[in-house]
Amino acid sequence: MTKNSTKEAILAISFRVFLEKGYKNATLTELVKASKVSKGAFYHYFKSKEELFDAAIDKYFFALASPVIDFEPSENQTFLENIQNYLTQKQQVVRKVAEELSLTFNANYLNVLLEAMQLFEHHKKRSLALLDKELIIYQKIIQIAQSKNEVKPNLDAVLLSKQFYFMLDGFELHTLILSDLNAKSYAEVNQLFEQFYQLIKV
């Protein structure tokens, strides 16, 4: 196993432990044991539990969110097509994490993210930045549709983008808390957006 693959394996295994027990309850001894490497090898890559947790959140949340946040709506597509393409990006992220870590998105994932934001100020700031970027994506989709006379021009694009964001965010949170979020979950989101679209289209 190469140095890079060893580090990646430690991150993946440790993230599963954090999801199962939470950051506060996961001990360094448990993390070393789960990683199946010597204590010396473990400390070669990560000097502390805090450093490991920081790196795991970066890899399994923020790095994976990049394709979603970098999404650019197309002026050649309809409102629903742009929305569908955006949701597809979200589905792919959920699927990728589930496949790489052999886990499902549930309340544990949310709890770990909240712990990270409490522990690290930079993760809190990055989370807020993700919110801002996601709102901009919705705003662009709406403005494109309004420029093509597809969505009512008198509607405030900024407020409407917040409505869409909170509708999707609320659905994701509800699903995470009560069951688990997976790629198939977004089928219902498509129906929600399609019906909402009927209210705002010209």
N, C-alpha and C. Protein backbone atom coordinates (compact mmCIF):
# COMPACT_ATOMS: atom_id res chain seq x y z
N MET A 1 0.85 -1.20 0.00
CA MET A 1 0.00 0.00 0.00
C MET A 1 0.89 1.25 0.00
N THR A 2 0.63 2.17 -0.89
CA THR A 2 1.42 3.39 -0.98
C THR A 2 1.10 4.32 0.18
N LYS A 3 1.96 5.33 0.39
CA LYS A 3 1.73 6.29 1.47
C LYS A 3 0.40 7.00 1.29
N ASN A 4 0.12 7.39 0.05
CA ASN A 4 -1.11 8.12 -0.21
C ASN A 4 -2.33 7.25 0.05
N SER A 5 -2.28 5.98 -0.40
CA SER A 5 -3.42 5.10 -0.20
C SER A 5 -3.61 4.75 1.27
N THR A 6 -2.50 4.69 2.03
CA THR A 6 -2.60 4.45 3.47
C THR A 6 -3.31 5.60 4.15
N LYS A 7 -2.93 6.80 3.78
CA LYS A 7 -3.57 7.99 4.36
C LYS A 7 -5.05 8.05 4.00
N GLU A 8 -5.38 7.72 2.75
CA GLU A 8 -6.77 7.74 2.31
C GLU A 8 -7.58 6.69 3.06
N ALA A 9 -6.97 5.52 3.30
CA ALA A 9 -7.66 4.45 4.01
C ALA A 9 -7.93 4.85 5.46
N ILE A 10 -6.96 5.50 6.09
CA ILE A 10 -7.14 5.98 7.47
C ILE A 10 -8.29 6.99 7.52
N LEU A 11 -8.32 7.88 6.55
CA LEU A 11 -9.38 8.89 6.50
C LEU A 11 -10.76 8.25 6.35
N ALA A 12 -10.86 7.31 5.43
CA ALA A 12 -12.16 6.66 5.16
C ALA A 12 -12.64 5.88 6.38
N ILE A 13 -11.75 5.09 6.96
CA ILE A 13 -12.13 4.29 8.12
C ILE A 13 -12.47 5.18 9.31
N SER A 14 -11.67 6.20 9.53
CA SER A 14 -11.90 7.11 10.66
C SER A 14 -13.21 7.88 10.50
N PHE A 15 -13.53 8.26 9.27
CA PHE A 15 -14.78 8.99 9.05
C PHE A 15 -15.97 8.11 9.40
N ARG A 16 -15.88 6.82 9.09
CA ARG A 16 -16.96 5.90 9.46
C ARG A 16 -17.09 5.81 10.98
N VAL A 17 -15.95 5.81 11.69
CA VAL A 17 -15.98 5.78 13.15
C VAL A 17 -16.61 7.06 13.69
N PHE A 18 -16.23 8.19 13.11
CA PHE A 18 -16.81 9.47 13.54
C PHE A 18 -18.32 9.48 13.31
N LEU A 19 -18.76 8.92 12.20
CA LEU A 19 -20.19 8.86 11.90
C LEU A 19 -20.92 7.98 12.91
N GLU A 20 -20.28 6.90 13.29
CA GLU A 20 -20.91 5.95 14.21
C GLU A 20 -20.96 6.49 15.64
N LYS A 21 -19.88 7.13 16.09
CA LYS A 21 -19.79 7.52 17.49
C LYS A 21 -19.80 9.02 17.73
N GLY A 22 -19.58 9.80 16.67
CA GLY A 22 -19.45 11.23 16.85
C GLY A 22 -18.01 11.58 17.19
N TYR A 23 -17.65 12.83 16.96
CA TYR A 23 -16.27 13.25 17.20
C TYR A 23 -15.88 13.13 18.68
N LYS A 24 -16.72 13.61 19.56
CA LYS A 24 -16.39 13.63 20.98
C LYS A 24 -16.24 12.23 21.57
N ASN A 25 -17.08 11.30 21.12
CA ASN A 25 -17.07 9.96 21.71
C ASN A 25 -16.07 9.00 21.07
N ALA A 26 -15.57 9.35 19.90
CA ALA A 26 -14.58 8.48 19.23
C ALA A 26 -13.21 8.75 19.85
N THR A 27 -12.59 7.74 20.42
CA THR A 27 -11.28 7.92 21.03
C THR A 27 -10.18 7.69 20.01
N LEU A 28 -9.03 8.26 20.29
CA LEU A 28 -7.88 8.10 19.39
C LEU A 28 -7.45 6.63 19.34
N THR A 29 -7.58 5.95 20.46
CA THR A 29 -7.24 4.52 20.50
C THR A 29 -8.12 3.73 19.55
N GLU A 30 -9.42 4.03 19.56
CA GLU A 30 -10.37 3.35 18.67
C GLU A 30 -10.05 3.65 17.21
N LEU A 31 -9.68 4.88 16.92
CA LEU A 31 -9.39 5.28 15.55
C LEU A 31 -8.14 4.57 15.03
N VAL A 32 -7.13 4.47 15.87
CA VAL A 32 -5.90 3.77 15.47
C VAL A 32 -6.19 2.30 15.24
N LYS A 33 -6.95 1.70 16.15
CA LYS A 33 -7.28 0.27 16.03
C LYS A 33 -8.09 0.00 14.77
N ALA A 34 -9.05 0.86 14.49
CA ALA A 34 -9.91 0.67 13.31
C ALA A 34 -9.13 0.82 12.01
N SER A 35 -8.11 1.68 12.03
CA SER A 35 -7.32 1.92 10.81
C SER A 35 -6.40 0.77 10.46
N LYS A 36 -6.17 -0.13 11.43
CA LYS A 36 -5.35 -1.33 11.21
C LYS A 36 -3.91 -0.99 10.77
N VAL A 37 -3.39 0.09 11.31
CA VAL A 37 -1.98 0.43 11.12
C VAL A 37 -1.38 0.64 12.50
N SER A 38 -0.06 0.64 12.57
CA SER A 38 0.59 0.85 13.86
C SER A 38 0.36 2.28 14.34
N LYS A 39 0.51 2.48 15.64
CA LYS A 39 0.34 3.82 16.20
C LYS A 39 1.34 4.79 15.58
N GLY A 40 2.56 4.29 15.34
CA GLY A 40 3.58 5.14 14.74
C GLY A 40 3.20 5.56 13.34
N ALA A 41 2.68 4.60 12.56
CA ALA A 41 2.26 4.91 11.19
C ALA A 41 1.09 5.89 11.20
N PHE A 42 0.18 5.69 12.14
CA PHE A 42 -0.98 6.57 12.26
C PHE A 42 -0.54 8.01 12.52
N TYR A 43 0.36 8.18 13.49
CA TYR A 43 0.83 9.52 13.86
C TYR A 43 1.72 10.15 12.79
N HIS A 44 2.20 9.32 11.88
CA HIS A 44 2.98 9.87 10.77
C HIS A 44 2.09 10.74 9.88
N TYR A 45 0.83 10.34 9.76
CA TYR A 45 -0.11 11.06 8.90
C TYR A 45 -0.94 12.09 9.66
N PHE A 46 -1.32 11.75 10.88
CA PHE A 46 -2.19 12.64 11.66
C PHE A 46 -1.68 12.75 13.09
N LYS A 47 -1.39 13.95 13.52
CA LYS A 47 -0.79 14.18 14.83
C LYS A 47 -1.80 14.16 15.96
N SER A 48 -3.07 14.31 15.63
CA SER A 48 -4.09 14.36 16.68
C SER A 48 -5.45 13.97 16.10
N LYS A 49 -6.40 13.68 17.00
CA LYS A 49 -7.76 13.36 16.57
C LYS A 49 -8.39 14.57 15.88
N GLU A 50 -8.09 15.74 16.38
CA GLU A 50 -8.63 16.97 15.81
C GLU A 50 -8.16 17.16 14.37
N GLU A 51 -6.87 16.92 14.13
CA GLU A 51 -6.32 17.06 12.78
C GLU A 51 -6.96 16.05 11.83
N LEU A 52 -7.15 14.83 12.33
CA LEU A 52 -7.78 13.77 11.52
C LEU A 52 -9.23 14.14 11.18
N PHE A 53 -9.96 14.62 12.16
CA PHE A 53 -11.36 14.99 11.96
C PHE A 53 -11.48 16.13 10.96
N ASP A 54 -10.60 17.10 11.09
CA ASP A 54 -10.57 18.24 10.18
C ASP A 54 -10.38 17.76 8.74
N ALA A 55 -9.42 16.86 8.54
CA ALA A 55 -9.11 16.34 7.19
C ALA A 55 -10.26 15.49 6.65
N ALA A 56 -10.90 14.72 7.52
CA ALA A 56 -12.00 13.85 7.09
C ALA A 56 -13.20 14.67 6.63
N ILE A 57 -13.53 15.73 7.36
CA ILE A 57 -14.64 16.61 6.98
C ILE A 57 -14.34 17.29 5.65
N ASP A 58 -13.09 17.71 5.50
CA ASP A 58 -12.70 18.37 4.25
C ASP A 58 -12.88 17.43 3.06
N LYS A 59 -12.46 16.17 3.23
CA LYS A 59 -12.50 15.21 2.12
C LYS A 59 -13.92 14.70 1.84
N TYR A 60 -14.65 14.37 2.89
CA TYR A 60 -15.94 13.72 2.70
C TYR A 60 -17.14 14.65 2.80
N PHE A 61 -16.87 15.94 2.84
CA PHE A 61 -17.98 16.89 2.73
C PHE A 61 -17.66 17.99 1.75
N PHE A 62 -16.67 18.82 2.07
CA PHE A 62 -16.40 19.99 1.25
C PHE A 62 -15.82 19.64 -0.12
N ALA A 63 -14.89 18.71 -0.17
CA ALA A 63 -14.30 18.34 -1.46
C ALA A 63 -15.34 17.71 -2.38
N LEU A 64 -16.22 16.89 -1.80
CA LEU A 64 -17.25 16.23 -2.60
C LEU A 64 -18.34 17.20 -3.03
N ALA A 65 -18.49 18.30 -2.30
CA ALA A 65 -19.52 19.28 -2.65
C ALA A 65 -19.11 20.16 -3.83
N SER A 66 -17.85 20.12 -4.22
CA SER A 66 -17.34 20.99 -5.29
C SER A 66 -18.12 20.89 -6.60
N PRO A 67 -18.41 19.65 -7.10
CA PRO A 67 -19.15 19.57 -8.38
C PRO A 67 -20.52 20.23 -8.31
N VAL A 68 -21.15 20.18 -7.14
CA VAL A 68 -22.47 20.79 -6.98
C VAL A 68 -22.35 22.31 -6.99
N ILE A 69 -21.40 22.83 -6.21
CA ILE A 69 -21.24 24.27 -6.08
C ILE A 69 -20.69 24.90 -7.35
N ASP A 70 -19.94 24.13 -8.13
CA ASP A 70 -19.37 24.66 -9.38
C ASP A 70 -20.33 24.56 -10.56
N PHE A 71 -21.53 24.06 -10.29
CA PHE A 71 -22.53 23.88 -11.35
C PHE A 71 -22.87 25.22 -12.01
N GLU A 72 -22.91 25.22 -13.33
CA GLU A 72 -23.26 26.42 -14.09
C GLU A 72 -24.53 26.16 -14.91
N PRO A 73 -25.61 26.87 -14.64
CA PRO A 73 -26.84 26.70 -15.43
C PRO A 73 -26.60 27.08 -16.89
N SER A 74 -27.31 26.41 -17.79
CA SER A 74 -27.16 26.69 -19.21
C SER A 74 -28.29 27.59 -19.71
N GLU A 75 -27.94 28.59 -20.48
CA GLU A 75 -28.95 29.48 -21.06
C GLU A 75 -29.73 28.80 -22.18
N ASN A 76 -29.23 27.67 -22.63
CA ASN A 76 -29.89 26.94 -23.72
C ASN A 76 -30.89 25.90 -23.21
N GLN A 77 -31.03 25.82 -21.89
CA GLN A 77 -31.94 24.83 -21.33
C GLN A 77 -33.09 25.50 -20.60
N THR A 78 -34.17 24.75 -20.44
CA THR A 78 -35.34 25.27 -19.75
C THR A 78 -35.09 25.30 -18.25
N PHE A 79 -36.00 25.92 -17.54
CA PHE A 79 -35.90 26.00 -16.08
C PHE A 79 -35.82 24.60 -15.48
N LEU A 80 -36.74 23.72 -15.85
CA LEU A 80 -36.77 22.38 -15.28
C LEU A 80 -35.55 21.56 -15.68
N GLU A 81 -35.03 21.78 -16.89
CA GLU A 81 -33.82 21.06 -17.31
C GLU A 81 -32.62 21.47 -16.47
N ASN A 82 -32.49 22.77 -16.22
CA ASN A 82 -31.39 23.24 -15.38
C ASN A 82 -31.52 22.71 -13.95
N ILE A 83 -32.74 22.71 -13.43
CA ILE A 83 -32.98 22.19 -12.08
C ILE A 83 -32.64 20.70 -12.03
N GLN A 84 -33.07 19.96 -13.04
CA GLN A 84 -32.81 18.52 -13.08
C GLN A 84 -31.30 18.23 -13.13
N ASN A 85 -30.59 18.99 -13.93
CA ASN A 85 -29.14 18.80 -14.03
C ASN A 85 -28.45 19.09 -12.69
N TYR A 86 -28.96 20.09 -12.00
CA TYR A 86 -28.39 20.44 -10.70
C TYR A 86 -28.66 19.33 -9.68
N LEU A 87 -29.88 18.81 -9.68
CA LEU A 87 -30.22 17.73 -8.76
C LEU A 87 -29.42 16.46 -9.07
N THR A 88 -29.12 16.27 -10.35
CA THR A 88 -28.31 15.11 -10.75
C THR A 88 -26.92 15.20 -10.13
N GLN A 89 -26.36 16.40 -10.08
CA GLN A 89 -25.06 16.59 -9.44
C GLN A 89 -25.13 16.20 -7.96
N LYS A 90 -26.21 16.58 -7.30
CA LYS A 90 -26.38 16.22 -5.90
C LYS A 90 -26.51 14.70 -5.73
N GLN A 91 -27.25 14.08 -6.62
CA GLN A 91 -27.41 12.63 -6.56
C GLN A 91 -26.06 11.92 -6.70
N GLN A 92 -25.23 12.41 -7.60
CA GLN A 92 -23.94 11.79 -7.84
C GLN A 92 -23.03 11.90 -6.63
N VAL A 93 -23.10 13.03 -5.92
CA VAL A 93 -22.31 13.19 -4.69
C VAL A 93 -22.75 12.19 -3.64
N VAL A 94 -24.05 12.08 -3.43
CA VAL A 94 -24.59 11.14 -2.44
C VAL A 94 -24.18 9.71 -2.80
N ARG A 95 -24.30 9.37 -4.08
CA ARG A 95 -23.95 8.03 -4.54
C ARG A 95 -22.46 7.74 -4.35
N LYS A 96 -21.63 8.74 -4.64
CA LYS A 96 -20.18 8.55 -4.54
C LYS A 96 -19.75 8.29 -3.10
N VAL A 97 -20.28 9.06 -2.16
CA VAL A 97 -19.93 8.86 -0.76
C VAL A 97 -20.42 7.50 -0.28
N ALA A 98 -21.63 7.14 -0.67
CA ALA A 98 -22.19 5.85 -0.26
C ALA A 98 -21.34 4.69 -0.77
N GLU A 99 -20.88 4.80 -2.01
CA GLU A 99 -20.08 3.73 -2.60
C GLU A 99 -18.68 3.67 -2.01
N GLU A 100 -18.03 4.84 -1.84
CA GLU A 100 -16.67 4.87 -1.32
C GLU A 100 -16.57 4.42 0.12
N LEU A 101 -17.58 4.77 0.91
CA LEU A 101 -17.53 4.48 2.34
C LEU A 101 -18.46 3.36 2.77
N SER A 102 -19.23 2.83 1.84
CA SER A 102 -20.20 1.77 2.15
C SER A 102 -21.12 2.20 3.30
N LEU A 103 -21.71 3.37 3.14
CA LEU A 103 -22.62 3.88 4.16
C LEU A 103 -23.78 4.62 3.53
N THR A 104 -24.75 4.93 4.36
CA THR A 104 -25.89 5.71 3.90
C THR A 104 -25.89 7.06 4.61
N PHE A 105 -26.48 8.04 3.97
CA PHE A 105 -26.61 9.35 4.60
C PHE A 105 -27.77 9.30 5.59
N ASN A 106 -27.47 9.54 6.86
CA ASN A 106 -28.52 9.59 7.86
C ASN A 106 -28.21 10.70 8.85
N ALA A 107 -28.90 10.70 9.99
CA ALA A 107 -28.74 11.77 10.97
C ALA A 107 -27.30 11.86 11.48
N ASN A 108 -26.57 10.74 11.49
CA ASN A 108 -25.19 10.75 11.96
C ASN A 108 -24.32 11.70 11.12
N TYR A 109 -24.57 11.71 9.82
CA TYR A 109 -23.80 12.58 8.93
C TYR A 109 -24.04 14.04 9.29
N LEU A 110 -25.27 14.36 9.57
CA LEU A 110 -25.62 15.73 9.96
C LEU A 110 -24.98 16.10 11.30
N ASN A 111 -25.03 15.17 12.25
CA ASN A 111 -24.45 15.41 13.57
C ASN A 111 -22.95 15.68 13.48
N VAL A 112 -22.25 14.90 12.67
CA VAL A 112 -20.81 15.06 12.51
C VAL A 112 -20.49 16.42 11.88
N LEU A 113 -21.29 16.82 10.91
CA LEU A 113 -21.07 18.11 10.27
C LEU A 113 -21.28 19.25 11.26
N LEU A 114 -22.29 19.13 12.10
CA LEU A 114 -22.55 20.15 13.12
C LEU A 114 -21.40 20.22 14.13
N GLU A 115 -20.86 19.05 14.48
CA GLU A 115 -19.71 19.03 15.39
C GLU A 115 -18.52 19.74 14.76
N ALA A 116 -18.32 19.52 13.46
CA ALA A 116 -17.20 20.14 12.75
C ALA A 116 -17.34 21.66 12.74
N MET A 117 -18.56 22.14 12.55
CA MET A 117 -18.78 23.59 12.51
C MET A 117 -18.60 24.22 13.89
N GLN A 118 -18.89 23.45 14.94
CA GLN A 118 -18.69 23.95 16.30
C GLN A 118 -17.21 23.96 16.68
N LEU A 119 -16.50 22.96 16.18
CA LEU A 119 -15.09 22.82 16.55
C LEU A 119 -14.17 23.70 15.71
N PHE A 120 -14.50 23.83 14.42
CA PHE A 120 -13.63 24.58 13.51
C PHE A 120 -14.37 25.78 12.92
N GLU A 121 -13.89 26.95 13.19
CA GLU A 121 -14.51 28.16 12.65
C GLU A 121 -14.44 28.19 11.13
N HIS A 122 -13.35 27.64 10.56
CA HIS A 122 -13.21 27.68 9.10
C HIS A 122 -14.24 26.79 8.41
N HIS A 123 -14.66 25.71 9.07
CA HIS A 123 -15.69 24.86 8.48
C HIS A 123 -17.06 25.55 8.54
N LYS A 124 -17.28 26.31 9.60
CA LYS A 124 -18.53 27.07 9.70
C LYS A 124 -18.59 28.11 8.59
N LYS A 125 -17.47 28.79 8.37
CA LYS A 125 -17.41 29.81 7.31
C LYS A 125 -17.59 29.17 5.94
N ARG A 126 -16.98 28.01 5.73
CA ARG A 126 -17.11 27.32 4.45
C ARG A 126 -18.55 26.86 4.21
N SER A 127 -19.22 26.43 5.27
CA SER A 127 -20.62 26.00 5.15
C SER A 127 -21.51 27.17 4.76
N LEU A 128 -21.27 28.33 5.35
CA LEU A 128 -22.03 29.52 5.01
C LEU A 128 -21.75 29.95 3.57
N ALA A 129 -20.49 29.78 3.13
CA ALA A 129 -20.13 30.12 1.75
C ALA A 129 -20.83 29.19 0.77
N LEU A 130 -20.98 27.92 1.14
CA LEU A 130 -21.69 26.96 0.29
C LEU A 130 -23.14 27.37 0.14
N LEU A 131 -23.74 27.83 1.22
CA LEU A 131 -25.13 28.30 1.18
C LEU A 131 -25.26 29.45 0.20
N ASP A 132 -24.35 30.41 0.30
CA ASP A 132 -24.39 31.58 -0.59
C ASP A 132 -24.26 31.17 -2.06
N LYS A 133 -23.34 30.23 -2.33
CA LYS A 133 -23.12 29.78 -3.70
C LYS A 133 -24.32 29.03 -4.25
N GLU A 134 -24.94 28.24 -3.39
CA GLU A 134 -26.11 27.48 -3.84
C GLU A 134 -27.28 28.43 -4.16
N LEU A 135 -27.45 29.45 -3.36
CA LEU A 135 -28.50 30.43 -3.62
C LEU A 135 -28.25 31.15 -4.95
N ILE A 136 -26.99 31.43 -5.25
CA ILE A 136 -26.64 32.09 -6.51
C ILE A 136 -26.98 31.19 -7.69
N ILE A 137 -26.77 29.88 -7.53
CA ILE A 137 -27.09 28.95 -8.61
C ILE A 137 -28.58 29.00 -8.92
N TYR A 138 -29.42 28.94 -7.87
CA TYR A 138 -30.87 29.03 -8.08
C TYR A 138 -31.25 30.36 -8.70
N GLN A 139 -30.60 31.41 -8.24
CA GLN A 139 -30.91 32.74 -8.77
C GLN A 139 -30.60 32.81 -10.27
N LYS A 140 -29.48 32.24 -10.68
CA LYS A 140 -29.11 32.23 -12.10
C LYS A 140 -30.12 31.44 -12.93
N ILE A 141 -30.54 30.29 -12.39
CA ILE A 141 -31.52 29.46 -13.10
C ILE A 141 -32.82 30.24 -13.30
N ILE A 142 -33.25 30.93 -12.26
CA ILE A 142 -34.49 31.72 -12.32
C ILE A 142 -34.35 32.88 -13.29
N GLN A 143 -33.23 33.58 -13.23
CA GLN A 143 -33.02 34.74 -14.10
C GLN A 143 -32.95 34.33 -15.57
N ILE A 144 -32.35 33.18 -15.84
CA ILE A 144 -32.31 32.67 -17.22
C ILE A 144 -33.74 32.41 -17.70
N ALA A 145 -34.53 31.76 -16.84
CA ALA A 145 -35.92 31.44 -17.19
C ALA A 145 -36.75 32.72 -17.38
N GLN A 146 -36.50 33.72 -16.56
CA GLN A 146 -37.23 34.98 -16.69
C GLN A 146 -36.85 35.71 -17.97
N SER A 147 -35.58 35.64 -18.35
CA SER A 147 -35.13 36.31 -19.57
C SER A 147 -35.74 35.67 -20.81
N LYS A 148 -36.15 34.41 -20.69
CA LYS A 148 -36.76 33.69 -21.81
C LYS A 148 -38.28 33.68 -21.70
N ASN A 149 -38.79 34.51 -20.74
CA ASN A 149 -40.23 34.61 -20.51
C ASN A 149 -40.85 33.26 -20.15
N GLU A 150 -40.10 32.48 -19.40
CA GLU A 150 -40.57 31.16 -18.97
C GLU A 150 -41.12 31.23 -17.55
N VAL A 151 -40.52 32.12 -16.73
CA VAL A 151 -40.96 32.33 -15.35
C VAL A 151 -41.43 33.78 -15.23
N LYS A 152 -42.46 33.99 -14.43
CA LYS A 152 -43.05 35.32 -14.27
C LYS A 152 -41.98 36.37 -13.94
N PRO A 153 -41.87 37.40 -14.76
CA PRO A 153 -40.81 38.41 -14.58
C PRO A 153 -40.99 39.28 -13.35
N ASN A 154 -42.22 39.36 -12.80
CA ASN A 154 -42.47 40.21 -11.64
C ASN A 154 -42.03 39.57 -10.32
N LEU A 155 -41.64 38.30 -10.37
CA LEU A 155 -41.19 37.61 -9.16
C LEU A 155 -39.74 37.98 -8.85
N ASP A 156 -39.44 38.23 -7.60
CA ASP A 156 -38.10 38.59 -7.16
C ASP A 156 -37.21 37.34 -7.22
N ALA A 157 -36.19 37.35 -8.07
CA ALA A 157 -35.33 36.18 -8.27
C ALA A 157 -34.58 35.79 -7.01
N VAL A 158 -34.19 36.79 -6.20
CA VAL A 158 -33.45 36.50 -4.96
C VAL A 158 -34.35 35.77 -3.96
N LEU A 159 -35.56 36.30 -3.76
CA LEU A 159 -36.50 35.67 -2.83
C LEU A 159 -36.92 34.29 -3.32
N LEU A 160 -37.14 34.18 -4.62
CA LEU A 160 -37.55 32.91 -5.19
C LEU A 160 -36.44 31.86 -5.04
N SER A 161 -35.19 32.28 -5.19
CA SER A 161 -34.08 31.35 -5.02
C SER A 161 -34.03 30.83 -3.59
N LYS A 162 -34.37 31.68 -2.63
CA LYS A 162 -34.39 31.24 -1.23
C LYS A 162 -35.52 30.25 -0.99
N GLN A 163 -36.66 30.46 -1.65
CA GLN A 163 -37.76 29.51 -1.52
C GLN A 163 -37.36 28.13 -2.03
N PHE A 164 -36.70 28.10 -3.17
CA PHE A 164 -36.26 26.83 -3.73
C PHE A 164 -35.20 26.18 -2.84
N TYR A 165 -34.28 27.00 -2.36
CA TYR A 165 -33.21 26.46 -1.53
C TYR A 165 -33.78 25.83 -0.26
N PHE A 166 -34.65 26.58 0.43
CA PHE A 166 -35.18 26.08 1.70
C PHE A 166 -36.12 24.89 1.49
N MET A 167 -36.77 24.82 0.34
CA MET A 167 -37.60 23.66 0.05
C MET A 167 -36.72 22.41 -0.07
N LEU A 168 -35.63 22.52 -0.82
CA LEU A 168 -34.73 21.38 -1.00
C LEU A 168 -33.98 21.07 0.29
N ASP A 169 -33.51 22.13 0.97
CA ASP A 169 -32.77 21.93 2.22
C ASP A 169 -33.67 21.27 3.26
N GLY A 170 -34.92 21.71 3.35
CA GLY A 170 -35.85 21.12 4.30
C GLY A 170 -36.12 19.66 3.99
N PHE A 171 -36.25 19.35 2.70
CA PHE A 171 -36.47 17.95 2.30
C PHE A 171 -35.28 17.09 2.70
N GLU A 172 -34.07 17.59 2.42
CA GLU A 172 -32.86 16.81 2.72
C GLU A 172 -32.70 16.58 4.22
N LEU A 173 -32.94 17.64 5.02
CA LEU A 173 -32.83 17.51 6.47
C LEU A 173 -33.87 16.54 7.02
N HIS A 174 -35.10 16.67 6.55
CA HIS A 174 -36.19 15.78 6.98
C HIS A 174 -35.83 14.33 6.67
N THR A 175 -35.33 14.08 5.46
CA THR A 175 -34.98 12.72 5.05
C THR A 175 -33.81 12.17 5.86
N LEU A 176 -32.80 13.01 6.10
CA LEU A 176 -31.64 12.60 6.89
C LEU A 176 -32.04 12.20 8.30
N ILE A 177 -32.91 12.98 8.91
CA ILE A 177 -33.29 12.76 10.30
C ILE A 177 -34.17 11.53 10.47
N LEU A 178 -35.12 11.35 9.57
CA LEU A 178 -36.10 10.28 9.73
C LEU A 178 -35.69 8.95 9.10
N SER A 179 -34.83 9.00 8.09
CA SER A 179 -34.41 7.75 7.46
C SER A 179 -32.99 7.90 6.94
N ASP A 180 -32.82 7.79 5.65
CA ASP A 180 -31.50 8.07 5.06
C ASP A 180 -31.68 8.69 3.69
N LEU A 181 -30.72 9.50 3.30
CA LEU A 181 -30.78 10.21 2.03
C LEU A 181 -29.96 9.44 1.01
N ASN A 182 -30.58 9.11 -0.12
CA ASN A 182 -29.86 8.41 -1.18
C ASN A 182 -30.27 8.98 -2.53
N ALA A 183 -29.65 8.48 -3.58
CA ALA A 183 -29.91 9.01 -4.91
C ALA A 183 -31.39 8.92 -5.29
N LYS A 184 -32.07 7.87 -4.85
CA LYS A 184 -33.48 7.68 -5.19
C LYS A 184 -34.37 8.70 -4.48
N SER A 185 -33.89 9.23 -3.37
CA SER A 185 -34.68 10.21 -2.61
C SER A 185 -35.05 11.42 -3.46
N TYR A 186 -34.18 11.73 -4.42
CA TYR A 186 -34.37 12.96 -5.20
C TYR A 186 -35.49 12.83 -6.24
N ALA A 187 -36.04 11.64 -6.39
CA ALA A 187 -37.18 11.48 -7.31
C ALA A 187 -38.36 12.31 -6.80
N GLU A 188 -38.56 12.31 -5.49
CA GLU A 188 -39.65 13.09 -4.91
C GLU A 188 -39.37 14.58 -5.02
N VAL A 189 -38.09 14.96 -4.94
CA VAL A 189 -37.72 16.37 -5.07
C VAL A 189 -38.09 16.87 -6.46
N ASN A 190 -37.87 16.05 -7.47
CA ASN A 190 -38.25 16.42 -8.83
C ASN A 190 -39.73 16.77 -8.91
N GLN A 191 -40.56 15.99 -8.25
CA GLN A 191 -42.00 16.24 -8.26
C GLN A 191 -42.33 17.55 -7.55
N LEU A 192 -41.62 17.82 -6.45
CA LEU A 192 -41.84 19.07 -5.72
C LEU A 192 -41.51 20.28 -6.58
N PHE A 193 -40.38 20.22 -7.26
CA PHE A 193 -39.97 21.32 -8.12
C PHE A 193 -40.92 21.50 -9.31
N GLU A 194 -41.35 20.38 -9.89
CA GLU A 194 -42.25 20.45 -11.04
C GLU A 194 -43.57 21.11 -10.66
N GLN A 195 -44.09 20.77 -9.49
CA GLN A 195 -45.35 21.36 -9.06
C GLN A 195 -45.17 22.85 -8.72
N PHE A 196 -44.06 23.17 -8.06
CA PHE A 196 -43.80 24.58 -7.72
C PHE A 196 -43.63 25.41 -8.99
N TYR A 197 -43.05 24.80 -9.99
CA TYR A 197 -42.84 25.48 -11.27
C TYR A 197 -44.18 25.90 -11.89
N GLN A 198 -45.21 25.08 -11.69
CA GLN A 198 -46.53 25.40 -12.23
C GLN A 198 -47.07 26.71 -11.65
N LEU A 199 -46.59 27.06 -10.46
CA LEU A 199 -47.06 28.28 -9.80
C LEU A 199 -46.33 29.52 -10.27
N ILE A 200 -45.12 29.36 -10.80
CA ILE A 200 -44.30 30.52 -11.15
C ILE A 200 -44.12 30.71 -12.65
N LYS A 201 -44.54 29.72 -13.44
CA LYS A 201 -44.32 29.85 -14.89
C LYS A 201 -45.29 30.86 -15.49
N VAL A 202 -44.90 31.39 -16.62
CA VAL A 202 -45.73 32.38 -17.33
C VAL A 202 -46.95 31.68 -17.93
